[in-house]
Amino acid sequence: MSVPFAEVIGDPIAQSKSPLIHGFWLKALGIEGDYRRAHVKPDDLSAYIAERRSDPDWRGCNVTIPHKIAVMDLVDDPGDIRGTIGAMNTVVRQPDGSLIGTNTDAAGFYVPLADLDLEGAPVAVVGAGGAARAVLFALARAGAGHVTILNRSPLKAMGLLATFGLKGEVAGLDAALPPAALLVNSSSLGMTGQPPLDLDLSPLPEDAIVYDLVYSPLQTGLLKAAEARGLDTIDGLDMLIGQAALAFELFFGRSPPEGRDEELRALLTA
């Protein structure tokens, strides 16, 4: 007997905690369904999308590194994600077989910052990929001030500030951090199997917040360094759970159960 299913795709993908999150919610709500991982290499992305499009049990997928930009060429874009955020992290299959792409990263990123006044605040962002686009979109909506983007290739990041109407500058990863109120790592640096992110955090003020989108490992080197300085930190599970909640409703037509976040976080950190 077939059951509806969704999945997360990426390269690599073994580190993804999305199946645990969606599986927890499916069980809690008594929904007959499944959520899986699919290792999809860049050269196989088009074939993967074509195959899943014809499967009526497939509800869609979350999209992670490195497919968030490439997938935009393979699905419909009624919300003009290409023209706004410029990266998709969620694909949803419609009953007629059409595929719609959207982005839940921006909202998921902002959830743990909702009570923070970012109006005019200086921010530093590491990375210039799909996740960075969602971060910069959210920062622009929050009225952030001067934004410094640090990236291996500063040239790649040059156009992002203009794209999102932000004032700031770009620099290499070896550049000194500005005295930012918020530092965000939107790159894969520090992720299990990836090079570490080695930054000197001394320029950050004592009330700065360090936010690492990496969640494998959950306690990254960047967060350890921030805590050693006594800085407030936000780990990658906050954004992961926030964006997953929006995707879950799109896939399965139900909101995640309320009041179960602590139980879920305990499962994810066990």
C-alpha atoms as a PDB file:
ATOM      1  CA  MET A   1       0.000   0.000   0.000  1.00  0.00           C
ATOM      2  CA  SER A   2       1.440   3.343  -1.032  1.00  0.00           C
ATOM      3  CA  VAL A   3       1.603   6.283   1.347  1.00  0.00           C
ATOM      4  CA  PRO A   4       2.196   9.975   0.683  1.00  0.00           C
ATOM      5  CA  PHE A   5       5.784  11.011   1.243  1.00  0.00           C
ATOM      6  CA  ALA A   6       8.095  13.981   1.068  1.00  0.00           C
ATOM      7  CA  GLU A   7      11.861  14.143   1.379  1.00  0.00           C
ATOM      8  CA  VAL A   8      14.939  16.302   1.631  1.00  0.00           C
ATOM      9  CA  ILE A   9      17.496  16.370  -1.175  1.00  0.00           C
ATOM     10  CA  GLY A  10      21.096  17.504  -1.170  1.00  0.00           C
ATOM     11  CA  ASP A  11      24.733  16.563  -1.672  1.00  0.00           C
ATOM     12  CA  PRO A  12      25.748  15.583   0.992  1.00  0.00           C
ATOM     13  CA  ILE A  13      22.525  14.605   2.749  1.00  0.00           C
ATOM     14  CA  ALA A  14      23.343  12.043   5.464  1.00  0.00           C
ATOM     15  CA  GLN A  15      23.633  14.822   8.067  1.00  0.00           C
ATOM     16  CA  SER A  16      20.078  16.078   7.552  1.00  0.00           C
ATOM     17  CA  LYS A  17      17.794  16.011  10.583  1.00  0.00           C
ATOM     18  CA  SER A  18      14.691  16.839   8.545  1.00  0.00           C
ATOM     19  CA  PRO A  19      13.436  13.212   8.510  1.00  0.00           C
ATOM     20  CA  LEU A  20      13.480  13.180  12.318  1.00  0.00           C
ATOM     21  CA  ILE A  21      11.534  16.441  12.492  1.00  0.00           C
ATOM     22  CA  HIS A  22       8.855  15.556   9.956  1.00  0.00           C
ATOM     23  CA  GLY A  23       8.644  11.970  11.227  1.00  0.00           C
ATOM     24  CA  PHE A  24       8.031  13.260  14.761  1.00  0.00           C
ATOM     25  CA  TRP A  25       5.218  15.510  13.569  1.00  0.00           C
ATOM     26  CA  LEU A  26       3.628  12.824  11.371  1.00  0.00           C
ATOM     27  CA  LYS A  27       3.521  10.408  14.304  1.00  0.00           C
ATOM     28  CA  ALA A  28       2.264  13.049  16.743  1.00  0.00           C
ATOM     29  CA  LEU A  29      -0.610  13.961  14.430  1.00  0.00           C
ATOM     30  CA  GLY A  30      -1.404  10.384  13.427  1.00  0.00           C
ATOM     31  CA  ILE A  31      -0.845  11.136   9.742  1.00  0.00           C
ATOM     32  CA  GLU A  32      -0.151   8.183   7.467  1.00  0.00           C
ATOM     33  CA  GLY A  33       2.880   9.405   5.584  1.00  0.00           C
ATOM     34  CA  ASP A  34       6.645   9.320   5.338  1.00  0.00           C
ATOM     35  CA  TYR A  35       9.563  11.716   5.033  1.00  0.00           C
ATOM     36  CA  ARG A  36      12.902  10.565   3.608  1.00  0.00           C
ATOM     37  CA  ARG A  37      16.405  11.590   2.565  1.00  0.00           C
ATOM     38  CA  ALA A  38      17.501  11.479  -1.086  1.00  0.00           C
ATOM     39  CA  HIS A  39      21.133  11.905  -2.063  1.00  0.00           C
ATOM     40  CA  VAL A  40      20.964  13.867  -5.308  1.00  0.00           C
ATOM     41  CA  LYS A  41      24.167  14.982  -7.007  1.00  0.00           C
ATOM     42  CA  PRO A  42      24.147  18.179  -9.090  1.00  0.00           C
ATOM     43  CA  ASP A  43      24.284  16.332 -12.414  1.00  0.00           C
ATOM     44  CA  ASP A  44      21.272  14.231 -11.378  1.00  0.00           C
ATOM     45  CA  LEU A  45      18.980  17.028 -10.195  1.00  0.00           C
ATOM     46  CA  SER A  46      17.016  17.393 -13.440  1.00  0.00           C
ATOM     47  CA  ALA A  47      16.401  13.642 -13.727  1.00  0.00           C
ATOM     48  CA  TYR A  48      15.360  13.461 -10.080  1.00  0.00           C
ATOM     49  CA  ILE A  49      12.773  16.230 -10.489  1.00  0.00           C
ATOM     50  CA  ALA A  50      11.411  14.636 -13.687  1.00  0.00           C
ATOM     51  CA  GLU A  51      11.039  11.241 -11.978  1.00  0.00           C
ATOM     52  CA  ARG A  52       9.328  12.585  -8.866  1.00  0.00           C
ATOM     53  CA  ARG A  53       6.979  14.787 -10.891  1.00  0.00           C
ATOM     54  CA  SER A  54       5.213  11.659 -12.180  1.00  0.00           C
ATOM     55  CA  ASP A  55       4.819  10.041  -8.734  1.00  0.00           C
ATOM     56  CA  PRO A  56       1.355  10.818  -7.265  1.00  0.00           C
ATOM     57  CA  ASP A  57       2.502   9.766  -3.782  1.00  0.00           C
ATOM     58  CA  TRP A  58       5.318  12.332  -3.756  1.00  0.00           C
ATOM     59  CA  ARG A  59       4.245  15.511  -1.981  1.00  0.00           C
ATOM     60  CA  GLY A  60       7.458  17.451  -2.568  1.00  0.00           C
ATOM     61  CA  CYS A  61      10.884  18.012  -1.116  1.00  0.00           C
ATOM     62  CA  ASN A  62      13.028  20.319   0.909  1.00  0.00           C
ATOM     63  CA  VAL A  63      16.128  21.446  -0.961  1.00  0.00           C
ATOM     64  CA  THR A  64      19.497  21.934   0.655  1.00  0.00           C
ATOM     65  CA  ILE A  65      23.117  22.480  -0.443  1.00  0.00           C
ATOM     66  CA  PRO A  66      23.963  22.748  -3.338  1.00  0.00           C
ATOM     67  CA  HIS A  67      20.619  22.775  -5.199  1.00  0.00           C
ATOM     68  CA  LYS A  68      18.778  25.873  -3.939  1.00  0.00           C
ATOM     69  CA  ILE A  69      19.570  27.970  -6.995  1.00  0.00           C
ATOM     70  CA  ALA A  70      19.698  25.298  -9.706  1.00  0.00           C
ATOM     71  CA  VAL A  71      16.258  23.921  -8.799  1.00  0.00           C
ATOM     72  CA  MET A  72      14.622  27.211  -9.808  1.00  0.00           C
ATOM     73  CA  ASP A  73      15.091  26.280 -13.470  1.00  0.00           C
ATOM     74  CA  LEU A  74      13.119  23.044 -13.044  1.00  0.00           C
ATOM     75  CA  VAL A  75       9.879  24.093 -11.306  1.00  0.00           C
ATOM     76  CA  ASP A  76       7.169  26.745 -11.530  1.00  0.00           C
ATOM     77  CA  ASP A  77       7.645  29.988  -9.620  1.00  0.00           C
ATOM     78  CA  PRO A  78       4.245  31.659  -9.087  1.00  0.00           C
ATOM     79  CA  GLY A  79       5.501  33.645  -6.087  1.00  0.00           C
ATOM     80  CA  ASP A  80       8.478  35.098  -7.999  1.00  0.00           C
ATOM     81  CA  ILE A  81      11.028  33.571  -5.628  1.00  0.00           C
ATOM     82  CA  ARG A  82      13.632  34.041  -8.354  1.00  0.00           C
ATOM     83  CA  GLY A  83      12.986  37.769  -8.429  1.00  0.00           C
ATOM     84  CA  THR A  84      12.909  38.225  -4.646  1.00  0.00           C
ATOM     85  CA  ILE A  85      15.006  35.787  -2.612  1.00  0.00           C
ATOM     86  CA  GLY A  86      16.685  34.157  -5.605  1.00  0.00           C
ATOM     87  CA  ALA A  87      16.820  30.663  -4.083  1.00  0.00           C
ATOM     88  CA  MET A  88      14.300  27.898  -3.395  1.00  0.00           C
ATOM     89  CA  ASN A  89      14.394  25.452  -0.509  1.00  0.00           C
ATOM     90  CA  THR A  90      10.980  23.823  -0.948  1.00  0.00           C
ATOM     91  CA  VAL A  91       9.256  22.169  -3.911  1.00  0.00           C
ATOM     92  CA  VAL A  92       5.589  21.174  -3.639  1.00  0.00           C
ATOM     93  CA  ARG A  93       3.775  18.851  -6.038  1.00  0.00           C
ATOM     94  CA  GLN A  94       0.291  19.966  -7.021  1.00  0.00           C
ATOM     95  CA  PRO A  95      -2.573  17.509  -7.687  1.00  0.00           C
ATOM     96  CA  ASP A  96      -2.199  18.053 -11.455  1.00  0.00           C
ATOM     97  CA  GLY A  97       1.472  17.076 -11.318  1.00  0.00           C
ATOM     98  CA  SER A  98       2.844  20.582 -11.619  1.00  0.00           C
ATOM     99  CA  LEU A  99       5.655  21.556  -9.248  1.00  0.00           C
ATOM    100  CA  ILE A 100       5.775  24.851  -7.385  1.00  0.00           C
ATOM    101  CA  GLY A 101       8.941  26.155  -5.767  1.00  0.00           C
ATOM    102  CA  THR A 102       9.016  28.426  -2.736  1.00  0.00           C
ATOM    103  CA  ASN A 103      11.295  29.436   0.116  1.00  0.00           C
ATOM    104  CA  THR A 104      10.639  28.828   3.813  1.00  0.00           C
ATOM    105  CA  ASP A 105      14.235  29.599   4.863  1.00  0.00           C
ATOM    106  CA  ALA A 106      13.743  33.352   5.204  1.00  0.00           C
ATOM    107  CA  ALA A 107      10.831  33.020   7.620  1.00  0.00           C
ATOM    108  CA  GLY A 108      12.535  30.151   9.454  1.00  0.00           C
ATOM    109  CA  PHE A 109      15.704  32.200   9.866  1.00  0.00           C
ATOM    110  CA  TYR A 110      13.832  35.176  11.291  1.00  0.00           C
ATOM    111  CA  VAL A 111      11.703  33.311  13.864  1.00  0.00           C
ATOM    112  CA  PRO A 112      14.325  33.343  16.686  1.00  0.00           C
ATOM    113  CA  LEU A 113      15.120  37.004  15.927  1.00  0.00           C
ATOM    114  CA  ALA A 114      11.527  38.240  15.966  1.00  0.00           C
ATOM    115  CA  ASP A 115      11.902  39.967  19.352  1.00  0.00           C
ATOM    116  CA  LEU A 116      15.202  41.613  18.403  1.00  0.00           C
ATOM    117  CA  ASP A 117      15.194  45.161  17.025  1.00  0.00           C
ATOM    118  CA  LEU A 118      17.436  44.999  13.955  1.00  0.00           C
ATOM    119  CA  GLU A 119      16.395  48.405  12.600  1.00  0.00           C
ATOM    120  CA  GLY A 120      19.639  50.089  11.551  1.00  0.00           C
ATOM    121  CA  ALA A 121      21.785  47.441  13.292  1.00  0.00           C
ATOM    122  CA  PRO A 122      25.127  46.424  11.718  1.00  0.00           C
ATOM    123  CA  VAL A 123      25.188  42.781  10.627  1.00  0.00           C
ATOM    124  CA  ALA A 124      27.885  40.437   9.284  1.00  0.00           C
ATOM    125  CA  VAL A 125      26.969  37.444   7.127  1.00  0.00           C
ATOM    126  CA  VAL A 126      29.340  34.631   6.170  1.00  0.00           C
ATOM    127  CA  GLY A 127      28.539  33.034   2.808  1.00  0.00           C
ATOM    128  CA  ALA A 128      26.916  34.057  -0.455  1.00  0.00           C
ATOM    129  CA  GLY A 129      24.912  30.996  -1.500  1.00  0.00           C
ATOM    130  CA  GLY A 130      21.246  30.080  -1.379  1.00  0.00           C
ATOM    131  CA  ALA A 131      20.972  30.261   2.403  1.00  0.00           C
ATOM    132  CA  ALA A 132      22.656  33.682   2.404  1.00  0.00           C
ATOM    133  CA  ARG A 133      20.022  34.961  -0.006  1.00  0.00           C
ATOM    134  CA  ALA A 134      17.248  33.979   2.402  1.00  0.00           C
ATOM    135  CA  VAL A 135      19.134  35.598   5.286  1.00  0.00           C
ATOM    136  CA  LEU A 136      19.704  38.843   3.385  1.00  0.00           C
ATOM    137  CA  PHE A 137      16.061  38.948   2.270  1.00  0.00           C
ATOM    138  CA  ALA A 138      14.949  38.657   5.902  1.00  0.00           C
ATOM    139  CA  LEU A 139      17.481  41.253   7.059  1.00  0.00           C
ATOM    140  CA  ALA A 140      16.263  43.702   4.436  1.00  0.00           C
ATOM    141  CA  ARG A 141      12.672  43.204   5.586  1.00  0.00           C
ATOM    142  CA  ALA A 142      13.797  43.793   9.192  1.00  0.00           C
ATOM    143  CA  GLY A 143      15.474  47.090   8.258  1.00  0.00           C
ATOM    144  CA  ALA A 144      19.023  46.009   9.088  1.00  0.00           C
ATOM    145  CA  GLY A 145      21.739  48.630   8.786  1.00  0.00           C
ATOM    146  CA  HIS A 146      25.238  48.211   7.330  1.00  0.00           C
ATOM    147  CA  VAL A 147      25.738  44.608   6.182  1.00  0.00           C
ATOM    148  CA  THR A 148      29.157  43.054   5.685  1.00  0.00           C
ATOM    149  CA  ILE A 149      29.264  39.855   3.623  1.00  0.00           C
ATOM    150  CA  LEU A 150      32.336  37.666   4.106  1.00  0.00           C
ATOM    151  CA  ASN A 151      32.914  35.040   1.435  1.00  0.00           C
ATOM    152  CA  ARG A 152      35.700  33.007  -0.146  1.00  0.00           C
ATOM    153  CA  SER A 153      35.078  34.935  -3.349  1.00  0.00           C
ATOM    154  CA  PRO A 154      34.096  38.543  -2.597  1.00  0.00           C
ATOM    155  CA  LEU A 155      33.201  39.058  -6.268  1.00  0.00           C
ATOM    156  CA  LYS A 156      30.412  36.478  -5.970  1.00  0.00           C
ATOM    157  CA  ALA A 157      28.888  38.467  -3.126  1.00  0.00           C
ATOM    158  CA  MET A 158      29.155  41.894  -4.748  1.00  0.00           C
ATOM    159  CA  GLY A 159      25.713  41.887  -6.329  1.00  0.00           C
ATOM    160  CA  LEU A 160      23.816  40.519  -3.333  1.00  0.00           C
ATOM    161  CA  LEU A 161      23.715  43.781  -1.407  1.00  0.00           C
ATOM    162  CA  ALA A 162      22.203  45.610  -4.365  1.00  0.00           C
ATOM    163  CA  THR A 163      19.794  42.740  -5.025  1.00  0.00           C
ATOM    164  CA  PHE A 164      18.252  43.121  -1.580  1.00  0.00           C
ATOM    165  CA  GLY A 165      18.591  46.892  -1.300  1.00  0.00           C
ATOM    166  CA  LEU A 166      21.102  46.708   1.532  1.00  0.00           C
ATOM    167  CA  LYS A 167      23.983  49.063   2.246  1.00  0.00           C
ATOM    168  CA  GLY A 168      27.321  47.540   3.134  1.00  0.00           C
ATOM    169  CA  GLU A 169      30.445  45.916   1.789  1.00  0.00           C
ATOM    170  CA  VAL A 170      31.940  42.549   0.912  1.00  0.00           C
ATOM    171  CA  ALA A 171      35.221  41.052   2.080  1.00  0.00           C
ATOM    172  CA  GLY A 172      37.169  37.813   2.108  1.00  0.00           C
ATOM    173  CA  LEU A 173      37.000  35.293   4.914  1.00  0.00           C
ATOM    174  CA  ASP A 174      40.363  36.477   6.172  1.00  0.00           C
ATOM    175  CA  ALA A 175      39.086  40.017   6.753  1.00  0.00           C
ATOM    176  CA  ALA A 176      38.516  41.331  10.265  1.00  0.00           C
ATOM    177  CA  LEU A 177      34.935  41.239  11.481  1.00  0.00           C
ATOM    178  CA  PRO A 178      33.145  44.569  11.898  1.00  0.00           C
ATOM    179  CA  PRO A 179      31.603  45.442  15.295  1.00  0.00           C
ATOM    180  CA  ALA A 180      28.333  43.802  14.239  1.00  0.00           C
ATOM    181  CA  ALA A 181      25.290  43.393  16.456  1.00  0.00           C
ATOM    182  CA  LEU A 182      24.545  40.100  14.689  1.00  0.00           C
ATOM    183  CA  LEU A 183      26.913  37.619  13.047  1.00  0.00           C
ATOM    184  CA  VAL A 184      25.335  34.929  10.858  1.00  0.00           C
ATOM    185  CA  ASN A 185      27.104  31.941   9.347  1.00  0.00           C
ATOM    186  CA  SER A 186      25.066  30.947   6.301  1.00  0.00           C
ATOM    187  CA  SER A 187      27.870  28.907   4.736  1.00  0.00           C
ATOM    188  CA  SER A 188      28.662  25.195   5.088  1.00  0.00           C
ATOM    189  CA  LEU A 189      31.928  26.000   6.874  1.00  0.00           C
ATOM    190  CA  GLY A 190      32.009  24.273  10.237  1.00  0.00           C
ATOM    191  CA  MET A 191      29.638  21.520   9.085  1.00  0.00           C
ATOM    192  CA  THR A 192      30.685  17.928   9.638  1.00  0.00           C
ATOM    193  CA  GLY A 193      32.993  16.990   6.764  1.00  0.00           C
ATOM    194  CA  GLN A 194      33.625  20.614   5.775  1.00  0.00           C
ATOM    195  CA  PRO A 195      36.525  22.956   6.648  1.00  0.00           C
ATOM    196  CA  PRO A 196      36.154  24.834   9.944  1.00  0.00           C
ATOM    197  CA  LEU A 197      35.055  28.456  10.145  1.00  0.00           C
ATOM    198  CA  ASP A 198      37.855  30.192  11.997  1.00  0.00           C
ATOM    199  CA  LEU A 199      36.951  33.791  12.825  1.00  0.00           C
ATOM    200  CA  ASP A 200      38.379  36.201  15.354  1.00  0.00           C
ATOM    201  CA  LEU A 201      35.300  37.307  17.291  1.00  0.00           C
ATOM    202  CA  SER A 202      37.072  39.967  19.353  1.00  0.00           C
ATOM    203  CA  PRO A 203      35.713  42.886  17.260  1.00  0.00           C
ATOM    204  CA  LEU A 204      32.123  41.968  18.194  1.00  0.00           C
ATOM    205  CA  PRO A 205      30.553  44.002  21.016  1.00  0.00           C
ATOM    206  CA  GLU A 206      29.595  42.275  24.265  1.00  0.00           C
ATOM    207  CA  ASP A 207      25.887  42.302  23.400  1.00  0.00           C
ATOM    208  CA  ALA A 208      26.359  40.776  19.932  1.00  0.00           C
ATOM    209  CA  ILE A 209      24.478  37.643  18.869  1.00  0.00           C
ATOM    210  CA  VAL A 210      26.156  34.838  16.916  1.00  0.00           C
ATOM    211  CA  TYR A 211      23.794  32.746  14.784  1.00  0.00           C
ATOM    212  CA  ASP A 212      25.115  29.616  13.027  1.00  0.00           C
ATOM    213  CA  LEU A 213      22.802  27.960  10.512  1.00  0.00           C
ATOM    214  CA  VAL A 214      24.906  24.790  10.595  1.00  0.00           C
ATOM    215  CA  TYR A 215      23.274  22.094  12.746  1.00  0.00           C
ATOM    216  CA  SER A 216      25.634  19.159  12.215  1.00  0.00           C
ATOM    217  CA  PRO A 217      27.360  19.405  14.606  1.00  0.00           C
ATOM    218  CA  LEU A 218      24.884  21.417  16.638  1.00  0.00           C
ATOM    219  CA  GLN A 219      27.618  22.958  18.768  1.00  0.00           C
ATOM    220  CA  THR A 220      29.878  24.300  16.044  1.00  0.00           C
ATOM    221  CA  GLY A 221      33.323  25.744  16.545  1.00  0.00           C
ATOM    222  CA  LEU A 222      31.886  29.208  15.895  1.00  0.00           C
ATOM    223  CA  LEU A 223      29.262  28.835  18.633  1.00  0.00           C
ATOM    224  CA  LYS A 224      31.830  27.451  21.071  1.00  0.00           C
ATOM    225  CA  ALA A 225      34.053  30.472  20.419  1.00  0.00           C
ATOM    226  CA  ALA A 226      31.096  32.828  20.880  1.00  0.00           C
ATOM    227  CA  GLU A 227      30.088  31.217  24.165  1.00  0.00           C
ATOM    228  CA  ALA A 228      33.684  31.391  25.381  1.00  0.00           C
ATOM    229  CA  ARG A 229      33.402  35.154  24.874  1.00  0.00           C
ATOM    230  CA  GLY A 230      30.094  35.248  26.740  1.00  0.00           C
ATOM    231  CA  LEU A 231      28.081  36.144  23.636  1.00  0.00           C
ATOM    232  CA  ASP A 232      24.485  35.079  23.074  1.00  0.00           C
ATOM    233  CA  THR A 233      24.136  32.352  20.449  1.00  0.00           C
ATOM    234  CA  ILE A 234      21.462  30.804  18.225  1.00  0.00           C
ATOM    235  CA  ASP A 235      22.058  27.342  16.809  1.00  0.00           C
ATOM    236  CA  GLY A 236      20.940  25.866  13.508  1.00  0.00           C
ATOM    237  CA  LEU A 237      18.024  23.901  14.948  1.00  0.00           C
ATOM    238  CA  ASP A 238      15.979  27.068  15.455  1.00  0.00           C
ATOM    239  CA  MET A 239      15.976  27.867  11.752  1.00  0.00           C
ATOM    240  CA  LEU A 240      15.702  24.214  10.748  1.00  0.00           C
ATOM    241  CA  ILE A 241      12.572  23.651  12.826  1.00  0.00           C
ATOM    242  CA  GLY A 242      11.058  27.000  11.804  1.00  0.00           C
ATOM    243  CA  GLN A 243      11.407  26.427   8.074  1.00  0.00           C
ATOM    244  CA  ALA A 244      10.387  22.770   8.426  1.00  0.00           C
ATOM    245  CA  ALA A 245       7.104  23.747  10.067  1.00  0.00           C
ATOM    246  CA  LEU A 246       6.116  25.831   7.057  1.00  0.00           C
ATOM    247  CA  ALA A 247       7.123  23.069   4.639  1.00  0.00           C
ATOM    248  CA  PHE A 248       5.287  20.391   6.632  1.00  0.00           C
ATOM    249  CA  GLU A 249       2.003  22.222   6.204  1.00  0.00           C
ATOM    250  CA  LEU A 250       2.612  22.527   2.465  1.00  0.00           C
ATOM    251  CA  PHE A 251       3.409  18.818   2.134  1.00  0.00           C
ATOM    252  CA  PHE A 252       0.809  17.264   4.426  1.00  0.00           C
ATOM    253  CA  GLY A 253      -1.897  19.931   4.816  1.00  0.00           C
ATOM    254  CA  ARG A 254      -1.620  20.160   8.612  1.00  0.00           C
ATOM    255  CA  SER A 255       0.250  22.451  10.976  1.00  0.00           C
ATOM    256  CA  PRO A 256       2.797  20.789  13.290  1.00  0.00           C
ATOM    257  CA  PRO A 257       1.485  19.992  16.780  1.00  0.00           C
ATOM    258  CA  GLU A 258       1.768  22.844  19.283  1.00  0.00           C
ATOM    259  CA  GLY A 259       3.640  22.627  22.556  1.00  0.00           C
ATOM    260  CA  ARG A 260       6.007  19.856  21.467  1.00  0.00           C
ATOM    261  CA  ASP A 261       9.116  21.887  20.554  1.00  0.00           C
ATOM    262  CA  GLU A 262      11.109  20.955  23.651  1.00  0.00           C
ATOM    263  CA  GLU A 263      10.372  17.280  23.097  1.00  0.00           C
ATOM    264  CA  LEU A 264      11.431  17.607  19.454  1.00  0.00           C
ATOM    265  CA  ARG A 265      14.651  19.415  20.300  1.00  0.00           C
ATOM    266  CA  ALA A 266      15.503  16.701  22.851  1.00  0.00           C
ATOM    267  CA  LEU A 267      15.030  14.092  20.115  1.00  0.00           C
ATOM    268  CA  LEU A 268      17.236  16.017  17.702  1.00  0.00           C
ATOM    269  CA  THR A 269      20.051  16.452  20.222  1.00  0.00           C
ATOM    270  CA  ALA A 270      20.004  12.922  21.654  1.00  0.00           C
END
